[in-house]
Amino acid sequence: MNCMETVREFIVENCLFGDGGRLKESTSFLEEGIVDSTGMLELVFFLEETFGISIEDDELVPENMDNLRRIAAYVQRKLSNTAAA
């Protein structure tokens, strides 16, 4: 399973309570009210645990975390940076 599908499953189960019909790759979590502040913390912990990355506070911006596509790209960058180090 790829990163985007893994994150999608997490969001559907934990934030949308199984109703993922409206969740597309580009659906904004903020604009649609999908992820609240508590949900964002849960998402960060999930990403760190699942992908073995460390997410810094200054990386918690919409450009990295506002939809599935952005999260997948962010995780791939983090994994690439970790592998290069």
PDB file of N, CA and C in Angstrom:
ATOM      1  N   MET A   1       0.861  -1.182   0.000  1.00  0.00           N
ATOM      2  CA  MET A   1       0.000   0.000   0.000  1.00  0.00           C
ATOM      3  C   MET A   1       0.899   1.235   0.000  1.00  0.00           C
ATOM      4  N   ASN A   2       0.530   2.220  -0.800  1.00  0.00           N
ATOM      5  CA  ASN A   2       1.356   3.418  -0.881  1.00  0.00           C
ATOM      6  C   ASN A   2       1.015   4.407   0.233  1.00  0.00           C
ATOM      7  N   CYS A   3       1.827   5.424   0.347  1.00  0.00           N
ATOM      8  CA  CYS A   3       1.692   6.424   1.404  1.00  0.00           C
ATOM      9  C   CYS A   3       0.315   7.089   1.390  1.00  0.00           C
ATOM     10  N   MET A   4      -0.126   7.504   0.214  1.00  0.00           N
ATOM     11  CA  MET A   4      -1.397   8.223   0.138  1.00  0.00           C
ATOM     12  C   MET A   4      -2.555   7.331   0.596  1.00  0.00           C
ATOM     13  N   GLU A   5      -2.548   6.081   0.199  1.00  0.00           N
ATOM     14  CA  GLU A   5      -3.620   5.169   0.605  1.00  0.00           C
ATOM     15  C   GLU A   5      -3.567   4.891   2.107  1.00  0.00           C
ATOM     16  N   THR A   6      -2.377   4.772   2.654  1.00  0.00           N
ATOM     17  CA  THR A   6      -2.216   4.550   4.089  1.00  0.00           C
ATOM     18  C   THR A   6      -2.789   5.723   4.878  1.00  0.00           C
ATOM     19  N   VAL A   7      -2.455   6.931   4.455  1.00  0.00           N
ATOM     20  CA  VAL A   7      -2.951   8.139   5.129  1.00  0.00           C
ATOM     21  C   VAL A   7      -4.454   8.269   4.920  1.00  0.00           C
ATOM     22  N   ARG A   8      -4.930   7.963   3.731  1.00  0.00           N
ATOM     23  CA  ARG A   8      -6.367   8.034   3.451  1.00  0.00           C
ATOM     24  C   ARG A   8      -7.141   7.125   4.393  1.00  0.00           C
ATOM     25  N   GLU A   9      -6.671   5.902   4.568  1.00  0.00           N
ATOM     26  CA  GLU A   9      -7.337   4.973   5.485  1.00  0.00           C
ATOM     27  C   GLU A   9      -7.373   5.526   6.902  1.00  0.00           C
ATOM     28  N   PHE A  10      -6.262   6.118   7.347  1.00  0.00           N
ATOM     29  CA  PHE A  10      -6.221   6.701   8.685  1.00  0.00           C
ATOM     30  C   PHE A  10      -7.250   7.824   8.830  1.00  0.00           C
ATOM     31  N   ILE A  11      -7.290   8.731   7.852  1.00  0.00           N
ATOM     32  CA  ILE A  11      -8.222   9.864   7.897  1.00  0.00           C
ATOM     33  C   ILE A  11      -9.665   9.371   7.879  1.00  0.00           C
ATOM     34  N   VAL A  12      -9.965   8.426   7.009  1.00  0.00           N
ATOM     35  CA  VAL A  12     -11.334   7.908   6.904  1.00  0.00           C
ATOM     36  C   VAL A  12     -11.761   7.269   8.226  1.00  0.00           C
ATOM     37  N   GLU A  13     -10.902   6.458   8.798  1.00  0.00           N
ATOM     38  CA  GLU A  13     -11.263   5.753  10.039  1.00  0.00           C
ATOM     39  C   GLU A  13     -11.310   6.676  11.258  1.00  0.00           C
ATOM     40  N   ASN A  14     -10.369   7.602  11.363  1.00  0.00           N
ATOM     41  CA  ASN A  14     -10.239   8.393  12.582  1.00  0.00           C
ATOM     42  C   ASN A  14     -10.888   9.770  12.552  1.00  0.00           C
ATOM     43  N   CYS A  15     -11.076  10.318  11.361  1.00  0.00           N
ATOM     44  CA  CYS A  15     -11.654  11.661  11.269  1.00  0.00           C
ATOM     45  C   CYS A  15     -13.026  11.666  10.608  1.00  0.00           C
ATOM     46  N   LEU A  16     -13.239  10.733   9.686  1.00  0.00           N
ATOM     47  CA  LEU A  16     -14.517  10.683   8.967  1.00  0.00           C
ATOM     48  C   LEU A  16     -15.370   9.496   9.407  1.00  0.00           C
ATOM     49  N   PHE A  17     -14.882   8.742  10.377  1.00  0.00           N
ATOM     50  CA  PHE A  17     -15.614   7.621  10.971  1.00  0.00           C
ATOM     51  C   PHE A  17     -16.158   6.659   9.924  1.00  0.00           C
ATOM     52  N   GLY A  18     -15.281   6.333   8.951  1.00  0.00           N
ATOM     53  CA  GLY A  18     -15.619   5.351   7.943  1.00  0.00           C
ATOM     54  C   GLY A  18     -16.290   5.880   6.691  1.00  0.00           C
ATOM     55  N   ASP A  19     -16.674   7.155   6.680  1.00  0.00           N
ATOM     56  CA  ASP A  19     -17.376   7.734   5.534  1.00  0.00           C
ATOM     57  C   ASP A  19     -16.405   8.523   4.672  1.00  0.00           C
ATOM     58  N   GLY A  20     -15.650   7.833   3.827  1.00  0.00           N
ATOM     59  CA  GLY A  20     -14.627   8.485   3.021  1.00  0.00           C
ATOM     60  C   GLY A  20     -15.045   8.807   1.608  1.00  0.00           C
ATOM     61  N   GLY A  21     -16.330   8.730   1.306  1.00  0.00           N
ATOM     62  CA  GLY A  21     -16.809   8.964  -0.042  1.00  0.00           C
ATOM     63  C   GLY A  21     -16.448  10.319  -0.615  1.00  0.00           C
ATOM     64  N   ARG A  22     -16.415  11.350   0.217  1.00  0.00           N
ATOM     65  CA  ARG A  22     -16.132  12.704  -0.284  1.00  0.00           C
ATOM     66  C   ARG A  22     -14.643  13.057  -0.243  1.00  0.00           C
ATOM     67  N   LEU A  23     -13.827  12.150   0.260  1.00  0.00           N
ATOM     68  CA  LEU A  23     -12.405  12.450   0.419  1.00  0.00           C
ATOM     69  C   LEU A  23     -11.631  12.105  -0.851  1.00  0.00           C
ATOM     70  N   LYS A  24     -11.180  13.136  -1.536  1.00  0.00           N
ATOM     71  CA  LYS A  24     -10.359  12.994  -2.742  1.00  0.00           C
ATOM     72  C   LYS A  24      -8.924  13.387  -2.410  1.00  0.00           C
ATOM     73  N   GLU A  25      -8.010  13.162  -3.338  1.00  0.00           N
ATOM     74  CA  GLU A  25      -6.601  13.499  -3.113  1.00  0.00           C
ATOM     75  C   GLU A  25      -6.396  14.967  -2.786  1.00  0.00           C
ATOM     76  N   SER A  26      -7.204  15.823  -3.380  1.00  0.00           N
ATOM     77  CA  SER A  26      -7.010  17.267  -3.213  1.00  0.00           C
ATOM     78  C   SER A  26      -8.026  17.916  -2.271  1.00  0.00           C
ATOM     79  N   THR A  27      -8.844  17.133  -1.590  1.00  0.00           N
ATOM     80  CA  THR A  27      -9.825  17.694  -0.657  1.00  0.00           C
ATOM     81  C   THR A  27      -9.103  18.366   0.510  1.00  0.00           C
ATOM     82  N   SER A  28      -9.385  19.631   0.728  1.00  0.00           N
ATOM     83  CA  SER A  28      -8.741  20.383   1.806  1.00  0.00           C
ATOM     84  C   SER A  28      -9.305  19.961   3.156  1.00  0.00           C
ATOM     85  N   PHE A  29      -8.422  19.520   4.036  1.00  0.00           N
ATOM     86  CA  PHE A  29      -8.840  19.142   5.383  1.00  0.00           C
ATOM     87  C   PHE A  29      -9.363  20.355   6.149  1.00  0.00           C
ATOM     88  N   LEU A  30      -8.748  21.511   5.930  1.00  0.00           N
ATOM     89  CA  LEU A  30      -9.145  22.724   6.645  1.00  0.00           C
ATOM     90  C   LEU A  30     -10.467  23.270   6.130  1.00  0.00           C
ATOM     91  N   GLU A  31     -10.571  23.443   4.818  1.00  0.00           N
ATOM     92  CA  GLU A  31     -11.789  24.012   4.237  1.00  0.00           C
ATOM     93  C   GLU A  31     -13.012  23.135   4.472  1.00  0.00           C
ATOM     94  N   GLU A  32     -12.820  21.835   4.466  1.00  0.00           N
ATOM     95  CA  GLU A  32     -13.934  20.901   4.641  1.00  0.00           C
ATOM     96  C   GLU A  32     -14.168  20.515   6.103  1.00  0.00           C
ATOM     97  N   GLY A  33     -13.330  21.003   7.007  1.00  0.00           N
ATOM     98  CA  GLY A  33     -13.487  20.690   8.428  1.00  0.00           C
ATOM     99  C   GLY A  33     -13.255  19.223   8.745  1.00  0.00           C
ATOM    100  N   ILE A  34     -12.395  18.575   7.983  1.00  0.00           N
ATOM    101  CA  ILE A  34     -12.153  17.142   8.155  1.00  0.00           C
ATOM    102  C   ILE A  34     -11.242  16.865   9.346  1.00  0.00           C
ATOM    103  N   VAL A  35     -10.199  17.670   9.505  1.00  0.00           N
ATOM    104  CA  VAL A  35      -9.229  17.461  10.581  1.00  0.00           C
ATOM    105  C   VAL A  35      -9.221  18.693  11.478  1.00  0.00           C
ATOM    106  N   ASP A  36      -9.528  18.489  12.755  1.00  0.00           N
ATOM    107  CA  ASP A  36      -9.457  19.592  13.718  1.00  0.00           C
ATOM    108  C   ASP A  36      -8.084  19.564  14.388  1.00  0.00           C
ATOM    109  N   SER A  37      -7.877  20.398  15.390  1.00  0.00           N
ATOM    110  CA  SER A  37      -6.558  20.480  16.020  1.00  0.00           C
ATOM    111  C   SER A  37      -6.156  19.166  16.687  1.00  0.00           C
ATOM    112  N   THR A  38      -7.089  18.504  17.327  1.00  0.00           N
ATOM    113  CA  THR A  38      -6.794  17.210  17.944  1.00  0.00           C
ATOM    114  C   THR A  38      -6.495  16.172  16.866  1.00  0.00           C
ATOM    115  N   GLY A  39      -7.276  16.198  15.806  1.00  0.00           N
ATOM    116  CA  GLY A  39      -7.054  15.280  14.696  1.00  0.00           C
ATOM    117  C   GLY A  39      -5.698  15.496  14.043  1.00  0.00           C
ATOM    118  N   MET A  40      -5.249  16.743  13.983  1.00  0.00           N
ATOM    119  CA  MET A  40      -3.941  17.029  13.403  1.00  0.00           C
ATOM    120  C   MET A  40      -2.834  16.425  14.262  1.00  0.00           C
ATOM    121  N   LEU A  41      -2.978  16.522  15.572  1.00  0.00           N
ATOM    122  CA  LEU A  41      -1.981  15.899  16.454  1.00  0.00           C
ATOM    123  C   LEU A  41      -1.962  14.391  16.256  1.00  0.00           C
ATOM    124  N   GLU A  42      -3.135  13.783  16.167  1.00  0.00           N
ATOM    125  CA  GLU A  42      -3.214  12.342  15.936  1.00  0.00           C
ATOM    126  C   GLU A  42      -2.584  11.985  14.593  1.00  0.00           C
ATOM    127  N   LEU A  43      -2.828  12.799  13.578  1.00  0.00           N
ATOM    128  CA  LEU A  43      -2.251  12.561  12.258  1.00  0.00           C
ATOM    129  C   LEU A  43      -0.728  12.649  12.314  1.00  0.00           C
ATOM    130  N   VAL A  44      -0.198  13.636  13.011  1.00  0.00           N
ATOM    131  CA  VAL A  44       1.251  13.791  13.135  1.00  0.00           C
ATOM    132  C   VAL A  44       1.857  12.562  13.807  1.00  0.00           C
ATOM    133  N   PHE A  45       1.268  12.118  14.910  1.00  0.00           N
ATOM    134  CA  PHE A  45       1.776  10.928  15.599  1.00  0.00           C
ATOM    135  C   PHE A  45       1.710   9.702  14.684  1.00  0.00           C
ATOM    136  N   PHE A  46       0.620   9.581  13.942  1.00  0.00           N
ATOM    137  CA  PHE A  46       0.465   8.470  13.015  1.00  0.00           C
ATOM    138  C   PHE A  46       1.558   8.498  11.948  1.00  0.00           C
ATOM    139  N   LEU A  47       1.784   9.655  11.351  1.00  0.00           N
ATOM    140  CA  LEU A  47       2.806   9.769  10.307  1.00  0.00           C
ATOM    141  C   LEU A  47       4.198   9.450  10.850  1.00  0.00           C
ATOM    142  N   GLU A  48       4.491   9.974  12.026  1.00  0.00           N
ATOM    143  CA  GLU A  48       5.806   9.721  12.619  1.00  0.00           C
ATOM    144  C   GLU A  48       6.005   8.239  12.905  1.00  0.00           C
ATOM    145  N   GLU A  49       5.004   7.606  13.471  1.00  0.00           N
ATOM    146  CA  GLU A  49       5.088   6.188  13.803  1.00  0.00           C
ATOM    147  C   GLU A  49       5.116   5.303  12.565  1.00  0.00           C
ATOM    148  N   THR A  50       4.229   5.564  11.644  1.00  0.00           N
ATOM    149  CA  THR A  50       4.072   4.716  10.465  1.00  0.00           C
ATOM    150  C   THR A  50       5.251   4.808   9.517  1.00  0.00           C
ATOM    151  N   PHE A  51       5.756   6.018   9.315  1.00  0.00           N
ATOM    152  CA  PHE A  51       6.801   6.214   8.312  1.00  0.00           C
ATOM    153  C   PHE A  51       8.179   6.460   8.908  1.00  0.00           C
ATOM    154  N   GLY A  52       8.279   6.489  10.239  1.00  0.00           N
ATOM    155  CA  GLY A  52       9.571   6.649  10.888  1.00  0.00           C
ATOM    156  C   GLY A  52      10.211   7.998  10.622  1.00  0.00           C
ATOM    157  N   ILE A  53       9.378   9.036  10.572  1.00  0.00           N
ATOM    158  CA  ILE A  53       9.887  10.387  10.339  1.00  0.00           C
ATOM    159  C   ILE A  53       9.652  11.238  11.577  1.00  0.00           C
ATOM    160  N   SER A  54      10.324  12.362  11.637  1.00  0.00           N
ATOM    161  CA  SER A  54      10.123  13.328  12.709  1.00  0.00           C
ATOM    162  C   SER A  54       9.580  14.603  12.079  1.00  0.00           C
ATOM    163  N   ILE A  55       8.447  15.070  12.583  1.00  0.00           N
ATOM    164  CA  ILE A  55       7.805  16.259  12.039  1.00  0.00           C
ATOM    165  C   ILE A  55       8.029  17.420  13.000  1.00  0.00           C
ATOM    166  N   GLU A  56       8.673  18.453  12.495  1.00  0.00           N
ATOM    167  CA  GLU A  56       8.967  19.632  13.301  1.00  0.00           C
ATOM    168  C   GLU A  56       7.758  20.562  13.314  1.00  0.00           C
ATOM    169  N   ASP A  57       7.650  21.366  14.359  1.00  0.00           N
ATOM    170  CA  ASP A  57       6.527  22.296  14.482  1.00  0.00           C
ATOM    171  C   ASP A  57       6.401  23.224  13.276  1.00  0.00           C
ATOM    172  N   ASP A  58       7.530  23.707  12.764  1.00  0.00           N
ATOM    173  CA  ASP A  58       7.471  24.647  11.640  1.00  0.00           C
ATOM    174  C   ASP A  58       7.081  23.974  10.325  1.00  0.00           C
ATOM    175  N   GLU A  59       6.967  22.648  10.322  1.00  0.00           N
ATOM    176  CA  GLU A  59       6.530  21.915   9.138  1.00  0.00           C
ATOM    177  C   GLU A  59       5.021  21.667   9.135  1.00  0.00           C
ATOM    178  N   LEU A  60       4.360  22.032  10.223  1.00  0.00           N
ATOM    179  CA  LEU A  60       2.906  21.847  10.339  1.00  0.00           C
ATOM    180  C   LEU A  60       2.180  23.021   9.702  1.00  0.00           C
ATOM    181  N   VAL A  61       2.272  23.078   8.389  1.00  0.00           N
ATOM    182  CA  VAL A  61       1.651  24.150   7.610  1.00  0.00           C
ATOM    183  C   VAL A  61       0.755  23.521   6.548  1.00  0.00           C
ATOM    184  N   PRO A  62      -0.239  24.267   6.065  1.00  0.00           N
ATOM    185  CA  PRO A  62      -1.143  23.718   5.049  1.00  0.00           C
ATOM    186  C   PRO A  62      -0.421  23.185   3.808  1.00  0.00           C
ATOM    187  N   GLU A  63       0.704  23.806   3.444  1.00  0.00           N
ATOM    188  CA  GLU A  63       1.455  23.342   2.273  1.00  0.00           C
ATOM    189  C   GLU A  63       1.920  21.894   2.429  1.00  0.00           C
ATOM    190  N   ASN A  64       2.053  21.431   3.662  1.00  0.00           N
ATOM    191  CA  ASN A  64       2.481  20.051   3.925  1.00  0.00           C
ATOM    192  C   ASN A  64       1.342  19.132   4.362  1.00  0.00           C
ATOM    193  N   MET A  65       0.300  19.679   4.991  1.00  0.00           N
ATOM    194  CA  MET A  65      -0.653  18.834   5.703  1.00  0.00           C
ATOM    195  C   MET A  65      -2.130  19.030   5.353  1.00  0.00           C
ATOM    196  N   ASP A  66      -2.462  19.779   4.301  1.00  0.00           N
ATOM    197  CA  ASP A  66      -3.867  20.118   4.085  1.00  0.00           C
ATOM    198  C   ASP A  66      -4.661  19.139   3.231  1.00  0.00           C
ATOM    199  N   ASN A  67      -4.004  18.214   2.572  1.00  0.00           N
ATOM    200  CA  ASN A  67      -4.749  17.198   1.830  1.00  0.00           C
ATOM    201  C   ASN A  67      -3.883  15.965   1.618  1.00  0.00           C
ATOM    202  N   LEU A  68      -4.470  14.937   1.079  1.00  0.00           N
ATOM    203  CA  LEU A  68      -3.744  13.677   0.910  1.00  0.00           C
ATOM    204  C   LEU A  68      -2.538  13.834  -0.009  1.00  0.00           C
ATOM    205  N   ARG A  69      -2.702  14.552  -1.097  1.00  0.00           N
ATOM    206  CA  ARG A  69      -1.608  14.736  -2.053  1.00  0.00           C
ATOM    207  C   ARG A  69      -0.437  15.457  -1.397  1.00  0.00           C
ATOM    208  N   ARG A  70      -0.723  16.499  -0.644  1.00  0.00           N
ATOM    209  CA  ARG A  70       0.347  17.271   0.013  1.00  0.00           C
ATOM    210  C   ARG A  70       1.050  16.444   1.088  1.00  0.00           C
ATOM    211  N   ILE A  71       0.289  15.669   1.835  1.00  0.00           N
ATOM    212  CA  ILE A  71       0.900  14.824   2.872  1.00  0.00           C
ATOM    213  C   ILE A  71       1.802  13.773   2.228  1.00  0.00           C
ATOM    214  N   ALA A  72       1.332  13.128   1.171  1.00  0.00           N
ATOM    215  CA  ALA A  72       2.140  12.104   0.501  1.00  0.00           C
ATOM    216  C   ALA A  72       3.448  12.701  -0.020  1.00  0.00           C
ATOM    217  N   ALA A  73       3.375  13.881  -0.623  1.00  0.00           N
ATOM    218  CA  ALA A  73       4.581  14.538  -1.131  1.00  0.00           C
ATOM    219  C   ALA A  73       5.516  14.906   0.014  1.00  0.00           C
ATOM    220  N   TYR A  74       4.948  15.409   1.105  1.00  0.00           N
ATOM    221  CA  TYR A  74       5.736  15.776   2.275  1.00  0.00           C
ATOM    222  C   TYR A  74       6.449  14.557   2.858  1.00  0.00           C
ATOM    223  N   VAL A  75       5.721  13.466   3.041  1.00  0.00           N
ATOM    224  CA  VAL A  75       6.316  12.245   3.600  1.00  0.00           C
ATOM    225  C   VAL A  75       7.428  11.736   2.678  1.00  0.00           C
ATOM    226  N   GLN A  76       7.208  11.764   1.382  1.00  0.00           N
ATOM    227  CA  GLN A  76       8.242  11.312   0.443  1.00  0.00           C
ATOM    228  C   GLN A  76       9.498  12.181   0.555  1.00  0.00           C
ATOM    229  N   ARG A  77       9.321  13.499   0.702  1.00  0.00           N
ATOM    230  CA  ARG A  77      10.484  14.391   0.887  1.00  0.00           C
ATOM    231  C   ARG A  77      11.219  14.055   2.169  1.00  0.00           C
ATOM    232  N   LYS A  78      10.459  13.837   3.243  1.00  0.00           N
ATOM    233  CA  LYS A  78      11.087  13.513   4.524  1.00  0.00           C
ATOM    234  C   LYS A  78      11.853  12.192   4.434  1.00  0.00           C
ATOM    235  N   LEU A  79      11.256  11.200   3.789  1.00  0.00           N
ATOM    236  CA  LEU A  79      11.913   9.906   3.646  1.00  0.00           C
ATOM    237  C   LEU A  79      13.166  10.027   2.779  1.00  0.00           C
ATOM    238  N   SER A  80      13.109  10.827   1.745  1.00  0.00           N
ATOM    239  CA  SER A  80      14.277  11.037   0.881  1.00  0.00           C
ATOM    240  C   SER A  80      15.399  11.731   1.645  1.00  0.00           C
ATOM    241  N   ASN A  81      15.020  12.740   2.449  1.00  0.00           N
ATOM    242  CA  ASN A  81      16.019  13.457   3.241  1.00  0.00           C
ATOM    243  C   ASN A  81      16.643  12.550   4.289  1.00  0.00           C
ATOM    244  N   THR A  82      15.843  11.680   4.881  1.00  0.00           N
ATOM    245  CA  THR A  82      16.346  10.744   5.894  1.00  0.00           C
ATOM    246  C   THR A  82      17.294   9.744   5.249  1.00  0.00           C
ATOM    247  N   ALA A  83      16.940   9.240   4.072  1.00  0.00           N
ATOM    248  CA  ALA A  83      17.777   8.275   3.381  1.00  0.00           C
ATOM    249  C   ALA A  83      19.101   8.899   2.933  1.00  0.00           C
ATOM    250  N   ALA A  84      19.066  10.172   2.568  1.00  0.00           N
ATOM    251  CA  ALA A  84      20.259  10.859   2.099  1.00  0.00           C
ATOM    252  C   ALA A  84      21.214  11.185   3.257  1.00  0.00           C
ATOM    253  N   ALA A  85      20.673  11.305   4.452  1.00  0.00           N
ATOM    254  CA  ALA A  85      21.501  11.695   5.613  1.00  0.00           C
ATOM    255  C   ALA A  85      22.321  10.580   6.184  1.00  0.00           C
TER     256      ALA A  85
END
